[in-house]
Protein backbone atom coordinates (compact mmCIF):
# COMPACT_ATOMS: atom_id res chain seq x y z
CA UNK A 1 0.00 0.00 0.00
CA UNK A 2 1.23 3.50 -0.82
CA UNK A 3 0.71 6.78 0.99
CA UNK A 4 -0.76 9.47 -1.28
CA UNK A 5 -0.43 13.20 -0.57
CA UNK A 6 -2.53 15.71 -2.52
CA UNK A 7 -1.60 19.37 -2.19
CA UNK A 8 -4.81 21.17 -1.21
CA UNK A 9 -3.43 24.58 -0.24
CA UNK A 10 -0.69 26.41 -2.09
CA UNK A 11 1.89 27.85 0.37
CA UNK A 12 2.25 31.61 0.18
CA UNK A 13 5.94 31.33 1.15
CA UNK A 14 8.31 28.36 0.84
CA UNK A 15 7.12 25.39 2.89
CA UNK A 16 9.89 23.48 4.69
CA UNK A 17 8.63 19.88 4.59
CA UNK A 18 11.56 17.56 5.25
CA UNK A 19 9.17 15.26 7.13
CA UNK A 20 7.86 14.06 3.75
CA UNK A 21 10.09 11.02 3.62
CA UNK A 22 9.65 7.22 3.60
CA UNK A 23 11.83 7.05 6.72
CA UNK A 24 9.37 9.25 8.60
CA UNK A 25 6.10 7.88 7.23
CA UNK A 26 6.93 4.15 7.39
CA UNK A 27 5.70 3.51 10.93
CA UNK A 28 3.05 6.23 11.29
CA UNK A 29 -0.73 6.11 11.21
CA UNK A 30 -2.70 8.42 8.92
CA UNK A 31 -3.50 10.82 11.78
CA UNK A 32 0.13 10.90 12.89
CA UNK A 33 1.26 11.74 9.35
CA UNK A 34 -1.25 14.58 9.11
CA UNK A 35 -0.02 15.89 12.45
CA UNK A 36 3.65 16.11 11.45
CA UNK A 37 5.13 19.59 11.72
CA UNK A 38 6.04 21.64 8.66
CA UNK A 39 7.38 25.20 8.58
CA UNK A 40 5.48 27.87 6.67
CA UNK A 41 7.74 30.86 7.05
CA UNK A 42 8.05 31.35 10.82
CA UNK A 43 4.90 29.37 11.57
CA UNK A 44 4.83 25.71 12.60
CA UNK A 45 1.78 23.98 11.15
CA UNK A 46 0.59 20.39 10.75
CA UNK A 47 1.20 18.71 7.41
CA UNK A 48 -2.56 18.20 7.11
CA UNK A 49 -3.01 21.96 6.69
CA UNK A 50 -1.49 21.67 3.21
CA UNK A 51 -2.02 18.06 2.14
CA UNK A 52 -4.82 15.55 2.04
CA UNK A 53 -3.30 12.25 3.13
CA UNK A 54 -4.44 8.78 2.06
CA UNK A 55 -2.92 5.61 3.49
CA UNK A 56 -0.51 4.92 6.33
CA UNK A 57 2.54 2.90 7.39
CA UNK A 58 4.25 2.60 4.03
CA UNK A 59 7.70 3.31 2.56
CA UNK A 60 6.20 4.26 -0.82
CA UNK A 61 4.93 7.84 -1.20
CA UNK A 62 3.03 9.39 -4.09
CA UNK A 63 2.69 13.18 -4.21
CA UNK A 64 0.30 15.17 -6.39
CA UNK A 65 0.27 18.90 -7.11
CA UNK A 66 2.26 22.01 -8.01
CA UNK A 67 4.80 21.79 -5.20
CA UNK A 68 7.40 24.24 -6.48
CA UNK A 69 7.25 26.01 -3.09
CA UNK A 70 7.58 22.78 -1.08
CA UNK A 71 11.22 22.27 -0.08
CA UNK A 72 13.33 19.43 1.30
CA UNK A 73 11.07 16.56 0.20
CA UNK A 74 12.97 13.30 0.76
CA UNK A 75 15.73 14.94 2.80
CA UNK A 76 18.12 12.26 4.09
CA UNK A 77 15.82 9.45 2.95
CA UNK A 78 17.46 6.02 3.13
CA UNK A 79 14.79 3.68 1.75
CA UNK A 80 11.51 3.39 -0.08
CA UNK A 81 10.29 5.57 -2.91
CA UNK A 82 8.82 8.98 -3.62
CA UNK A 83 6.89 9.56 -6.85
CA UNK A 84 5.89 13.14 -7.68
CA UNK A 85 3.14 13.89 -10.17
CA UNK A 86 3.66 17.62 -10.63
CA UNK A 87 6.49 19.99 -9.75
CA UNK A 88 8.91 19.67 -6.85
CA UNK A 89 10.67 22.46 -4.98
CA UNK A 90 14.26 23.07 -3.97
CA UNK A 91 16.46 20.52 -2.18
CA UNK A 92 14.55 17.44 -3.36
CA UNK A 93 16.46 14.35 -2.23
CA UNK A 94 19.23 16.35 -0.56
CA UNK A 95 21.56 14.21 1.55
CA UNK A 96 19.66 11.03 0.57
CA UNK A 97 21.44 7.75 1.26
CA UNK A 98 19.11 5.30 -0.48
CA UNK A 99 15.76 4.74 -2.11
CA UNK A 100 14.29 6.14 -5.29
CA UNK A 101 12.70 9.46 -6.31
CA UNK A 102 10.85 9.95 -9.59
CA UNK A 103 9.37 13.27 -10.71
CA UNK A 104 6.85 13.48 -13.53
CA UNK A 105 7.37 17.20 -13.95
CA UNK A 106 10.05 19.77 -13.12
CA UNK A 107 12.29 20.09 -10.06
CA UNK A 108 14.01 23.08 -8.46
CA UNK A 109 17.57 23.93 -7.46
CA UNK A 110 19.85 21.69 -5.36
CA UNK A 111 18.32 18.44 -6.59
CA UNK A 112 20.14 15.56 -4.85
CA UNK A 113 22.61 17.94 -3.25
CA UNK A 114 25.31 16.09 -1.31
CA UNK A 115 23.48 12.76 -1.78
CA UNK A 116 25.41 9.67 -0.71
CA UNK A 117 23.42 7.05 -2.59
CA UNK A 118 20.06 6.39 -4.20
CA UNK A 119 18.40 7.14 -7.53
CA UNK A 120 16.62 10.27 -8.78
CA UNK A 121 14.88 10.62 -12.14
CA UNK A 122 13.28 13.91 -13.20
CA UNK A 123 11.26 13.61 -16.39
CA UNK A 124 11.14 17.38 -16.89
CA UNK A 125 13.65 20.18 -16.31
CA UNK A 126 15.64 20.91 -13.16
CA UNK A 127 17.32 23.95 -11.66
CA UNK A 128 20.94 24.58 -10.79
CA UNK A 129 23.39 22.93 -8.40
CA UNK A 130 22.23 19.37 -9.16
CA UNK A 131 24.22 16.94 -6.99
CA UNK A 132 26.32 19.86 -5.81
CA UNK A 133 27.98 20.80 -2.53
CA UNK A 134 26.23 23.39 -0.42
CA UNK A 135 27.98 26.71 0.10
CA UNK A 136 30.92 26.21 2.43
CA UNK A 137 30.95 22.43 2.00
CA UNK A 138 33.88 20.76 0.26
CA UNK A 139 32.04 17.72 -1.16
CA UNK A 140 28.98 17.34 -3.34
CA UNK A 141 27.32 14.01 -4.14
CA UNK A 142 29.37 10.99 -3.09
CA UNK A 143 27.45 8.27 -4.90
CA UNK A 144 24.14 7.49 -6.56
CA UNK A 145 22.55 8.41 -9.88
CA UNK A 146 20.63 11.49 -11.00
CA UNK A 147 18.92 11.61 -14.40
CA UNK A 148 17.20 14.74 -15.72
CA UNK A 149 15.45 14.32 -19.05
CA UNK A 150 15.29 18.08 -19.68
CA UNK A 151 17.57 21.06 -19.16
CA UNK A 152 19.48 22.13 -16.05
CA UNK A 153 20.79 25.33 -14.49
CA UNK A 154 24.14 26.52 -13.19
CA UNK A 155 26.88 24.57 -11.41
CA UNK A 156 25.64 21.04 -12.04
CA UNK A 157 27.82 18.58 -10.09
CA UNK A 158 29.78 21.27 -8.27
CA UNK A 159 32.45 19.55 -6.12
CA UNK A 160 30.90 16.10 -6.65
CA UNK A 161 33.15 13.19 -5.61
CA UNK A 162 31.42 10.10 -7.03
CA UNK A 163 28.21 9.07 -8.69
CA UNK A 164 26.64 9.83 -12.05
CA UNK A 165 24.59 12.74 -13.37
CA UNK A 166 22.90 12.47 -16.78
CA UNK A 167 21.29 15.49 -18.46
CA UNK A 168 19.09 15.03 -21.52
CA UNK A 169 18.79 18.75 -22.24
CA UNK A 170 21.45 21.49 -22.22
CA UNK A 171 23.07 22.75 -19.02
CA UNK A 172 24.03 26.30 -18.18
CA UNK A 173 27.44 27.66 -17.14
CA UNK A 174 29.95 26.03 -14.77
CA UNK A 175 28.84 22.42 -15.23
CA UNK A 176 31.30 20.27 -13.25
CA UNK A 177 32.67 23.24 -11.31
CA UNK A 178 35.49 22.03 -9.02
CA UNK A 179 34.62 18.36 -9.66
CA UNK A 180 36.58 15.93 -7.54
CA UNK A 181 35.32 12.70 -9.12
CA UNK A 182 32.30 11.02 -10.61
CA UNK A 183 30.77 11.32 -14.06
CA UNK A 184 28.54 13.88 -15.76
CA UNK A 185 26.96 12.89 -19.08
CA UNK A 186 25.66 15.74 -21.25
CA UNK A 187 23.43 14.49 -24.04
CA UNK A 188 22.77 18.02 -25.34
CA UNK A 189 25.92 19.86 -24.31
CA UNK A 190 26.39 22.83 -21.98
CA UNK A 191 27.10 26.54 -22.08
CA UNK A 192 30.32 28.22 -20.88
CA UNK A 193 33.07 27.26 -18.41
CA UNK A 194 32.36 23.54 -18.34
CA UNK A 195 34.78 21.78 -15.98
CA UNK A 196 36.16 24.98 -14.47
CA UNK A 197 38.74 24.12 -11.77
CA UNK A 198 37.87 20.43 -11.95
CA UNK A 199 40.42 18.25 -10.11
CA UNK A 200 39.25 14.81 -11.18
CA UNK A 201 36.26 13.12 -12.71
CA UNK A 202 34.88 12.80 -16.22
CA UNK A 203 32.48 14.94 -18.23
CA UNK A 204 31.12 13.29 -21.38
CA UNK A 205 29.34 15.48 -23.91
CA UNK A 206 27.51 14.19 -26.96
CA UNK A 207 27.49 17.70 -28.46
CA UNK A 208 30.33 20.18 -29.11
CA UNK A 209 31.39 22.27 -26.12
CA UNK A 210 33.10 25.68 -25.89
CA UNK A 211 36.15 24.59 -23.89
CA UNK A 212 38.26 26.84 -21.72
CA UNK A 213 41.90 27.34 -22.79
CA UNK A 214 43.02 25.47 -19.66
CA UNK A 215 41.92 22.17 -21.23
CA UNK A 216 44.38 20.40 -23.51
CA UNK A 217 43.42 17.99 -26.28
CA UNK A 218 45.24 14.72 -25.65
CA UNK A 219 43.72 12.15 -28.03
CA UNK A 220 40.87 11.11 -30.32
CA UNK A 221 39.79 7.70 -29.10
CA UNK A 222 37.13 5.72 -27.26
CA UNK A 223 38.49 4.90 -23.78
CA UNK A 224 37.74 1.38 -22.51
CA UNK A 225 35.66 2.66 -19.62
CA UNK A 226 33.12 4.07 -22.10
CA UNK A 227 32.12 0.49 -22.95
CA UNK A 228 31.39 -0.14 -19.27
CA UNK A 229 29.42 3.09 -18.94
CA UNK A 230 27.47 2.22 -22.08
CA UNK A 231 26.30 -1.05 -20.51
CA UNK A 232 25.30 0.66 -17.27
CA UNK A 233 23.52 3.51 -19.02
CA UNK A 234 21.62 1.19 -21.36
CA UNK A 235 19.76 -0.22 -18.36
CA UNK A 236 18.69 3.36 -17.54
CA UNK A 237 17.49 4.12 -21.06
CA UNK A 238 20.54 6.21 -21.97
CA UNK A 239 22.61 5.32 -25.04
CA UNK A 240 26.34 6.03 -25.21
CA UNK A 241 28.00 5.20 -28.55
CA UNK A 242 31.28 3.35 -28.30
CA UNK A 243 32.02 1.57 -31.59
CA UNK A 244 34.68 2.92 -33.96
CA UNK A 245 32.20 2.70 -36.82
CA UNK A 246 30.13 5.39 -35.11
CA UNK A 247 32.96 7.72 -34.18
CA UNK A 248 35.44 8.60 -31.44
CA UNK A 249 35.70 10.88 -28.45
CA UNK A 250 37.95 13.90 -28.34
CA UNK A 251 39.70 13.60 -24.97
CA UNK A 252 40.68 16.86 -23.24
CA UNK A 253 42.66 16.95 -20.00
CA UNK A 254 42.22 19.69 -17.42
CA UNK A 255 41.68 21.93 -15.69
CA UNK A 256 45.38 22.77 -16.07
CA UNK A 257 44.82 25.76 -13.79
CA UNK A 258 44.62 23.23 -10.94
CA UNK A 259 45.64 19.53 -11.09
CA UNK A 260 44.88 18.81 -14.74
CA UNK A 261 43.65 15.31 -13.82
CA UNK A 262 40.07 15.72 -14.98
CA UNK A 263 38.82 14.79 -18.44
CA UNK A 264 36.21 16.17 -20.81
CA UNK A 265 35.23 13.78 -23.61
CA UNK A 266 33.42 15.22 -26.62
CA UNK A 267 31.76 12.86 -29.06
CA UNK A 268 32.89 13.13 -32.68
CA UNK A 269 30.59 11.06 -34.92
CA UNK A 270 31.88 9.55 -38.09
CA UNK A 271 30.56 11.41 -41.12
CA UNK A 272 27.28 9.83 -42.11
CA UNK A 273 26.90 7.88 -38.85
CA UNK A 274 23.48 7.96 -37.22
């Protein structure tokens, strides 16, 4: 049995609702769930003031409504699932350590920020700082997978250490800012300053990128690890080409302004290849 939440009252200011999590709901009755405290500005109110709640004692949550002002859904979740039919606000899945989040709509900034594990799939667009480190923190996401079918904002993957981020649409400036590891896959490219100050990690772009002068072209090839990524991504519905008949990747090392141990791979299809 799932627990269904229907937004019945639109918050006038951002609603801090980190209690909306499988970890919190799993052992609670319907009345206890409705009585959980959320923060509407400076006011503490019961969750039932904003949501109609159906079901109880479940690790599987289904949310309905335009929740762009509802923040911190799934914060630190470690199990279960959250399915959103509508929009989701900032900090969705931040710090999560397990479980699955799926959004049939758009999501806000700081999606999966500093997550340690788990899976997030947004079928629409997302904001900036996906999988990133919060201001003052040295490490972004440490593991897990984030897929956004649409576009994304600034600083995707900032200071990420491990894990995978896949963007179907274009990203804005500073994708991979100060990356320390992990993989970002750009199916539609990105704007300026991609990989700025990256220390380690890999950015793979299927479209041409405007590279900074601190990245040095080292080879045209298909590294062996691409084959492994291709297998993993295929299970997630993402196709990475890897055969020589299709083309090769231009490999660029950088950022030479720091360690120069990161890599940006840009796909170069063979003329006439699909």
